[in-house]
Structures are given as C-alpha cells and as structure tokens.
Amino acid sequence: PICVYLARRHAKDRPLSNEADVVQWFERHGFTAIEPEQHSLDAQRDYVANAEIIAGPYGANLANLIFATRARQCFILATKPQPEFARLASVLGIASWHVVPEAIKLREGRTVSESFGFTADLKQIEFALAAMAV
C-alpha cells in the first residue's frame, strides 16, 4: 500500500522530541515522510489523495485527510486529547488508530500545547501498526 507520514518537525507547540527517529521508523516500514509546510497545497493533496494509509502527530497536518480519497486507515500520534481528526477520519470512512506519546514538560505556558512536548514509544507504534495489519 502507499503510505504517507505527515511530519511536524518544525512545530513550536507540542513538538515530538524524537520525531527524527519516528520518521526513520516509518520510512523503514514503507512510508514516505513529508513535511506538509514544505509543499504547496496541490502537492499535499496529491500525496494524501494517493495514500492508503496516512500517519502523523496530531495537528493541522492531519487536516489533509480531507484529500484522502483512497485511504483505508490513519494513524495518529495523539499529542492532544481532542478527537477532531479521528472524527474527520470516521466521517470519511477511514479507520483511525492512535498511540499516546509520553508528555514532557518543556516550559510554562498558557496551554498544554505551549507547555509540553512529547516522546513517542517506537514499540507502541510498532504494536499498533501490526494491529492495523500494515
């Protein structure tokens, strides 16, 4: 299947401290990693429209699901407890899976997004993707 990982490497809020390792892990498992903010909207649409599986950390990058015409599944690294993108996937008929990375206090902020970063457990990701039968 065509698989895309939507990275957030340059995110100021809720950064994934080990995203380089996460990206490498996904790439070793057949995913193409892109940084949506480095691509035009048309290019983002094309990447996602052709993907059968879409993965990435919670964030605006996952709004690209609206272009997912072939996707069967999405995988969310849930760095925020809101269900917006799982709901979007559901409305589009896309099964969604998620893992919750470990929160790490970075600084004092007004919100969780401003205060915390996250570290993803690669074994949890592997377990979830195995359950997805990827």
N, C-alpha and C. Protein backbone atom coordinates (compact mmCIF):
# COMPACT_ATOMS: atom_id res chain seq x y z
N PRO A 1 0.83 -1.20 0.00
CA PRO A 1 0.00 0.00 0.00
C PRO A 1 0.87 1.26 0.00
N ILE A 2 0.33 2.34 -0.51
CA ILE A 2 1.01 3.63 -0.47
C ILE A 2 0.73 4.25 0.90
N CYS A 3 1.81 4.58 1.61
CA CYS A 3 1.69 5.07 2.98
C CYS A 3 2.44 6.40 3.12
N VAL A 4 1.82 7.37 3.80
CA VAL A 4 2.41 8.69 3.97
C VAL A 4 2.43 9.05 5.45
N TYR A 5 3.59 9.54 5.91
CA TYR A 5 3.73 10.09 7.26
C TYR A 5 3.82 11.60 7.13
N LEU A 6 2.91 12.32 7.79
CA LEU A 6 2.87 13.79 7.74
C LEU A 6 3.61 14.33 8.96
N ALA A 7 4.84 14.73 8.76
CA ALA A 7 5.72 15.16 9.84
C ALA A 7 5.35 16.55 10.37
N ARG A 8 5.78 16.81 11.60
CA ARG A 8 5.63 18.14 12.23
C ARG A 8 6.97 18.56 12.81
N ARG A 9 8.05 18.30 12.10
CA ARG A 9 9.40 18.52 12.63
C ARG A 9 9.67 19.94 13.10
N HIS A 10 8.99 20.91 12.54
CA HIS A 10 9.27 22.31 12.87
C HIS A 10 8.19 22.93 13.75
N ALA A 11 7.33 22.09 14.31
CA ALA A 11 6.25 22.61 15.14
C ALA A 11 6.79 23.21 16.43
N LYS A 12 6.29 24.38 16.77
CA LYS A 12 6.69 25.03 18.02
C LYS A 12 5.90 24.45 19.20
N ASP A 13 4.61 24.21 18.98
CA ASP A 13 3.76 23.65 20.03
C ASP A 13 3.68 22.14 19.90
N ARG A 14 3.68 21.47 21.06
CA ARG A 14 3.58 20.00 21.15
C ARG A 14 4.61 19.30 20.26
N PRO A 15 5.89 19.70 20.33
CA PRO A 15 6.87 19.03 19.48
C PRO A 15 7.07 17.57 19.89
N LEU A 16 7.37 16.76 18.93
CA LEU A 16 7.70 15.36 19.16
C LEU A 16 9.22 15.29 19.21
N SER A 17 9.77 15.14 20.40
CA SER A 17 11.22 15.25 20.59
C SER A 17 12.01 14.21 19.80
N ASN A 18 11.43 13.08 19.56
CA ASN A 18 12.14 12.03 18.82
C ASN A 18 11.54 11.81 17.43
N GLU A 19 11.02 12.89 16.84
CA GLU A 19 10.38 12.73 15.54
C GLU A 19 11.35 12.23 14.48
N ALA A 20 12.62 12.58 14.55
CA ALA A 20 13.58 12.06 13.56
C ALA A 20 13.61 10.54 13.62
N ASP A 21 13.60 9.97 14.82
CA ASP A 21 13.57 8.51 14.98
C ASP A 21 12.24 7.94 14.49
N VAL A 22 11.16 8.64 14.79
CA VAL A 22 9.83 8.20 14.35
C VAL A 22 9.76 8.20 12.82
N VAL A 23 10.24 9.28 12.20
CA VAL A 23 10.25 9.37 10.73
C VAL A 23 11.06 8.22 10.14
N GLN A 24 12.25 7.99 10.69
CA GLN A 24 13.08 6.88 10.18
C GLN A 24 12.35 5.56 10.34
N TRP A 25 11.67 5.36 11.46
CA TRP A 25 10.94 4.11 11.68
C TRP A 25 9.86 3.93 10.62
N PHE A 26 9.07 4.98 10.39
CA PHE A 26 8.01 4.89 9.38
C PHE A 26 8.60 4.66 7.99
N GLU A 27 9.68 5.34 7.67
CA GLU A 27 10.31 5.16 6.35
C GLU A 27 10.82 3.72 6.18
N ARG A 28 11.38 3.15 7.23
CA ARG A 28 11.83 1.74 7.15
C ARG A 28 10.65 0.80 6.93
N HIS A 29 9.46 1.23 7.30
CA HIS A 29 8.26 0.41 7.16
C HIS A 29 7.42 0.81 5.94
N GLY A 30 8.06 1.46 4.98
CA GLY A 30 7.41 1.72 3.70
C GLY A 30 6.66 3.02 3.56
N PHE A 31 6.73 3.88 4.55
CA PHE A 31 6.05 5.17 4.47
C PHE A 31 6.95 6.20 3.79
N THR A 32 6.33 7.13 3.08
CA THR A 32 7.02 8.31 2.58
C THR A 32 6.72 9.43 3.57
N ALA A 33 7.76 10.02 4.13
CA ALA A 33 7.58 11.11 5.08
C ALA A 33 7.65 12.44 4.35
N ILE A 34 6.66 13.28 4.60
CA ILE A 34 6.69 14.64 4.03
C ILE A 34 6.45 15.64 5.15
N GLU A 35 6.93 16.84 4.94
CA GLU A 35 6.64 17.95 5.83
C GLU A 35 5.66 18.84 5.08
N PRO A 36 4.38 18.75 5.41
CA PRO A 36 3.38 19.48 4.64
C PRO A 36 3.70 20.96 4.42
N GLU A 37 4.26 21.61 5.43
CA GLU A 37 4.54 23.05 5.28
C GLU A 37 5.62 23.34 4.24
N GLN A 38 6.33 22.32 3.78
CA GLN A 38 7.36 22.48 2.76
C GLN A 38 6.81 22.27 1.34
N HIS A 39 5.51 21.98 1.24
CA HIS A 39 4.89 21.66 -0.05
C HIS A 39 3.69 22.57 -0.31
N SER A 40 3.41 22.78 -1.58
CA SER A 40 2.21 23.53 -1.95
C SER A 40 0.98 22.73 -1.54
N LEU A 41 -0.15 23.40 -1.48
CA LEU A 41 -1.40 22.72 -1.16
C LEU A 41 -1.69 21.63 -2.20
N ASP A 42 -1.42 21.90 -3.47
CA ASP A 42 -1.64 20.90 -4.52
C ASP A 42 -0.77 19.67 -4.29
N ALA A 43 0.49 19.87 -3.92
CA ALA A 43 1.39 18.73 -3.68
C ALA A 43 0.92 17.94 -2.46
N GLN A 44 0.51 18.64 -1.39
CA GLN A 44 -0.01 17.94 -0.21
C GLN A 44 -1.22 17.10 -0.59
N ARG A 45 -2.12 17.70 -1.37
CA ARG A 45 -3.32 16.97 -1.81
C ARG A 45 -2.93 15.71 -2.58
N ASP A 46 -1.96 15.82 -3.48
CA ASP A 46 -1.56 14.68 -4.29
C ASP A 46 -0.96 13.55 -3.44
N TYR A 47 -0.10 13.92 -2.48
CA TYR A 47 0.48 12.90 -1.59
C TYR A 47 -0.63 12.14 -0.86
N VAL A 48 -1.55 12.88 -0.28
CA VAL A 48 -2.58 12.27 0.56
C VAL A 48 -3.64 11.56 -0.29
N ALA A 49 -3.98 12.11 -1.44
CA ALA A 49 -5.02 11.50 -2.29
C ALA A 49 -4.61 10.11 -2.75
N ASN A 50 -3.33 9.87 -2.92
CA ASN A 50 -2.86 8.57 -3.38
C ASN A 50 -2.56 7.59 -2.27
N ALA A 51 -2.56 8.06 -1.03
CA ALA A 51 -2.18 7.21 0.10
C ALA A 51 -3.33 6.31 0.55
N GLU A 52 -2.97 5.10 0.92
CA GLU A 52 -3.94 4.17 1.51
C GLU A 52 -3.89 4.23 3.03
N ILE A 53 -2.71 4.62 3.55
CA ILE A 53 -2.54 4.77 5.00
C ILE A 53 -1.85 6.11 5.23
N ILE A 54 -2.40 6.90 6.15
CA ILE A 54 -1.86 8.21 6.48
C ILE A 54 -1.55 8.22 7.97
N ALA A 55 -0.35 8.69 8.31
CA ALA A 55 0.07 8.73 9.70
C ALA A 55 0.67 10.09 10.02
N GLY A 56 0.65 10.44 11.30
CA GLY A 56 1.31 11.66 11.73
C GLY A 56 0.87 12.07 13.12
N PRO A 57 1.62 13.00 13.71
CA PRO A 57 1.23 13.54 15.01
C PRO A 57 -0.01 14.42 14.86
N TYR A 58 -0.76 14.53 15.93
CA TYR A 58 -1.93 15.40 15.96
C TYR A 58 -1.51 16.80 15.56
N GLY A 59 -2.28 17.43 14.70
CA GLY A 59 -2.02 18.80 14.30
C GLY A 59 -2.64 19.11 12.96
N ALA A 60 -2.47 20.34 12.53
CA ALA A 60 -3.08 20.81 11.28
C ALA A 60 -2.67 19.96 10.08
N ASN A 61 -1.52 19.31 10.16
CA ASN A 61 -1.09 18.43 9.08
C ASN A 61 -2.16 17.38 8.77
N LEU A 62 -2.88 16.94 9.77
CA LEU A 62 -3.90 15.91 9.57
C LEU A 62 -5.19 16.44 8.93
N ALA A 63 -5.30 17.76 8.80
CA ALA A 63 -6.44 18.30 8.05
C ALA A 63 -6.37 17.84 6.59
N ASN A 64 -5.19 17.40 6.16
CA ASN A 64 -5.04 16.85 4.81
C ASN A 64 -5.88 15.60 4.59
N LEU A 65 -6.43 15.03 5.65
CA LEU A 65 -7.31 13.87 5.49
C LEU A 65 -8.48 14.18 4.55
N ILE A 66 -8.86 15.43 4.43
CA ILE A 66 -9.98 15.77 3.54
C ILE A 66 -9.67 15.40 2.09
N PHE A 67 -8.39 15.24 1.75
CA PHE A 67 -7.99 14.86 0.40
C PHE A 67 -7.82 13.35 0.24
N ALA A 68 -8.05 12.60 1.28
CA ALA A 68 -7.75 11.17 1.31
C ALA A 68 -8.84 10.36 0.61
N THR A 69 -8.75 10.28 -0.70
CA THR A 69 -9.78 9.59 -1.46
C THR A 69 -9.59 8.07 -1.50
N ARG A 70 -8.38 7.59 -1.22
CA ARG A 70 -8.10 6.15 -1.26
C ARG A 70 -7.79 5.56 0.11
N ALA A 71 -7.64 6.40 1.12
CA ALA A 71 -7.18 5.94 2.42
C ALA A 71 -8.16 4.96 3.06
N ARG A 72 -7.59 3.93 3.64
CA ARG A 72 -8.35 2.94 4.40
C ARG A 72 -8.16 3.14 5.90
N GLN A 73 -6.95 3.66 6.26
CA GLN A 73 -6.61 3.79 7.66
C GLN A 73 -5.77 5.04 7.90
N CYS A 74 -5.88 5.58 9.11
CA CYS A 74 -4.95 6.63 9.52
C CYS A 74 -4.46 6.30 10.92
N PHE A 75 -3.28 6.78 11.20
CA PHE A 75 -2.60 6.51 12.46
C PHE A 75 -2.18 7.84 13.06
N ILE A 76 -2.66 8.14 14.26
CA ILE A 76 -2.42 9.44 14.89
C ILE A 76 -1.56 9.27 16.14
N LEU A 77 -0.49 10.04 16.20
CA LEU A 77 0.29 10.16 17.44
C LEU A 77 -0.41 11.26 18.23
N ALA A 78 -1.17 10.87 19.22
CA ALA A 78 -2.10 11.76 19.91
C ALA A 78 -1.38 12.63 20.93
N THR A 79 -0.86 13.77 20.47
CA THR A 79 -0.19 14.72 21.35
C THR A 79 -1.18 15.73 21.94
N LYS A 80 -2.43 15.52 21.67
CA LYS A 80 -3.50 16.36 22.21
C LYS A 80 -4.71 15.45 22.38
N PRO A 81 -5.48 15.61 23.45
CA PRO A 81 -6.56 14.67 23.72
C PRO A 81 -7.85 14.90 22.93
N GLN A 82 -7.89 15.87 22.04
CA GLN A 82 -9.10 16.14 21.28
C GLN A 82 -9.27 15.13 20.15
N PRO A 83 -10.51 14.78 19.83
CA PRO A 83 -10.77 13.75 18.81
C PRO A 83 -11.05 14.28 17.40
N GLU A 84 -10.77 15.56 17.11
CA GLU A 84 -11.17 16.13 15.82
C GLU A 84 -10.74 15.30 14.61
N PHE A 85 -9.51 14.86 14.59
CA PHE A 85 -9.02 14.18 13.40
C PHE A 85 -9.50 12.73 13.33
N ALA A 86 -9.72 12.11 14.48
CA ALA A 86 -10.34 10.78 14.47
C ALA A 86 -11.78 10.89 13.98
N ARG A 87 -12.46 11.96 14.37
CA ARG A 87 -13.83 12.19 13.89
C ARG A 87 -13.85 12.45 12.39
N LEU A 88 -12.91 13.27 11.93
CA LEU A 88 -12.81 13.53 10.49
C LEU A 88 -12.59 12.24 9.73
N ALA A 89 -11.66 11.42 10.21
CA ALA A 89 -11.40 10.13 9.56
C ALA A 89 -12.68 9.29 9.53
N SER A 90 -13.38 9.25 10.64
CA SER A 90 -14.61 8.46 10.72
C SER A 90 -15.65 8.92 9.71
N VAL A 91 -15.84 10.22 9.60
CA VAL A 91 -16.80 10.78 8.64
C VAL A 91 -16.41 10.39 7.22
N LEU A 92 -15.11 10.30 6.96
CA LEU A 92 -14.62 9.96 5.63
C LEU A 92 -14.54 8.44 5.39
N GLY A 93 -14.94 7.66 6.41
CA GLY A 93 -14.90 6.20 6.27
C GLY A 93 -13.51 5.61 6.40
N ILE A 94 -12.63 6.32 7.10
CA ILE A 94 -11.25 5.87 7.30
C ILE A 94 -11.11 5.38 8.73
N ALA A 95 -10.65 4.16 8.91
CA ALA A 95 -10.42 3.64 10.26
C ALA A 95 -9.25 4.40 10.88
N SER A 96 -9.38 4.82 12.14
CA SER A 96 -8.28 5.53 12.78
C SER A 96 -7.76 4.76 13.98
N TRP A 97 -6.47 4.85 14.14
CA TRP A 97 -5.75 4.21 15.24
C TRP A 97 -4.89 5.30 15.87
N HIS A 98 -4.53 5.11 17.12
CA HIS A 98 -3.65 6.10 17.73
C HIS A 98 -2.84 5.50 18.87
N VAL A 99 -1.73 6.16 19.15
CA VAL A 99 -0.97 5.91 20.37
C VAL A 99 -0.79 7.28 21.03
N VAL A 100 -0.56 7.26 22.34
CA VAL A 100 -0.39 8.49 23.09
C VAL A 100 1.08 8.58 23.51
N PRO A 101 1.83 9.49 22.89
CA PRO A 101 3.22 9.67 23.30
C PRO A 101 3.32 10.20 24.73
N GLU A 102 4.48 10.00 25.35
CA GLU A 102 4.71 10.47 26.71
C GLU A 102 4.90 11.99 26.71
N ALA A 103 4.17 12.66 27.60
CA ALA A 103 4.28 14.11 27.73
C ALA A 103 5.52 14.47 28.54
N ILE A 104 6.20 15.54 28.10
CA ILE A 104 7.40 16.04 28.78
C ILE A 104 7.25 17.54 28.94
N LYS A 105 7.30 18.01 30.17
CA LYS A 105 7.17 19.45 30.43
C LYS A 105 8.38 20.18 29.85
N LEU A 106 8.11 21.15 28.97
CA LEU A 106 9.17 21.94 28.34
C LEU A 106 9.32 23.32 28.95
N ARG A 107 8.17 23.92 29.26
CA ARG A 107 8.18 25.31 29.73
C ARG A 107 6.81 25.61 30.34
N GLU A 108 6.72 26.75 30.98
CA GLU A 108 5.43 27.22 31.49
C GLU A 108 4.71 27.92 30.35
N GLY A 109 3.52 27.49 30.08
CA GLY A 109 2.73 28.11 29.03
C GLY A 109 1.29 28.25 29.47
N ARG A 110 0.51 28.92 28.67
CA ARG A 110 -0.91 29.11 29.00
C ARG A 110 -1.72 27.85 28.73
N THR A 111 -1.22 26.98 27.84
CA THR A 111 -1.96 25.78 27.45
C THR A 111 -1.04 24.57 27.47
N VAL A 112 -1.65 23.40 27.37
CA VAL A 112 -0.86 22.17 27.26
C VAL A 112 0.02 22.24 26.02
N SER A 113 -0.54 22.75 24.92
CA SER A 113 0.21 22.83 23.67
C SER A 113 1.47 23.67 23.81
N GLU A 114 1.39 24.75 24.58
CA GLU A 114 2.55 25.62 24.78
C GLU A 114 3.52 25.07 25.81
N SER A 115 3.05 24.22 26.71
CA SER A 115 3.86 23.77 27.85
C SER A 115 4.57 22.45 27.64
N PHE A 116 4.02 21.57 26.82
CA PHE A 116 4.54 20.21 26.74
C PHE A 116 5.05 19.83 25.35
N GLY A 117 6.04 18.97 25.38
CA GLY A 117 6.48 18.26 24.20
C GLY A 117 6.21 16.79 24.44
N PHE A 118 6.54 15.95 23.50
CA PHE A 118 6.20 14.53 23.61
C PHE A 118 7.31 13.65 23.06
N THR A 119 7.35 12.44 23.57
CA THR A 119 8.26 11.42 23.06
C THR A 119 7.42 10.20 22.72
N ALA A 120 7.55 9.74 21.48
CA ALA A 120 6.78 8.57 21.04
C ALA A 120 7.56 7.29 21.33
N ASP A 121 6.86 6.28 21.77
CA ASP A 121 7.43 4.96 22.03
C ASP A 121 7.35 4.15 20.74
N LEU A 122 8.49 3.86 20.14
CA LEU A 122 8.51 3.14 18.87
C LEU A 122 7.91 1.75 18.98
N LYS A 123 8.02 1.13 20.14
CA LYS A 123 7.40 -0.20 20.32
C LYS A 123 5.88 -0.10 20.30
N GLN A 124 5.33 0.96 20.87
CA GLN A 124 3.87 1.17 20.81
C GLN A 124 3.43 1.38 19.37
N ILE A 125 4.21 2.16 18.62
CA ILE A 125 3.88 2.39 17.21
C ILE A 125 3.91 1.08 16.46
N GLU A 126 4.94 0.30 16.69
CA GLU A 126 5.06 -1.00 16.00
C GLU A 126 3.88 -1.91 16.35
N PHE A 127 3.50 -1.95 17.61
CA PHE A 127 2.39 -2.78 18.05
C PHE A 127 1.09 -2.34 17.37
N ALA A 128 0.86 -1.03 17.34
CA ALA A 128 -0.37 -0.51 16.73
C ALA A 128 -0.40 -0.78 15.23
N LEU A 129 0.71 -0.57 14.55
CA LEU A 129 0.73 -0.81 13.11
C LEU A 129 0.57 -2.30 12.80
N ALA A 130 1.08 -3.15 13.66
CA ALA A 130 0.86 -4.59 13.47
C ALA A 130 -0.63 -4.92 13.61
N ALA A 131 -1.29 -4.26 14.55
CA ALA A 131 -2.73 -4.48 14.73
C ALA A 131 -3.51 -3.98 13.51
N MET A 132 -2.97 -2.94 12.87
CA MET A 132 -3.58 -2.41 11.66
C MET A 132 -3.34 -3.32 10.46
N ALA A 133 -2.45 -4.29 10.62
CA ALA A 133 -2.05 -5.21 9.55
C ALA A 133 -1.36 -4.47 8.41
N VAL A 134 -0.47 -3.53 8.78
CA VAL A 134 0.30 -2.79 7.78
C VAL A 134 1.49 -3.63 7.37
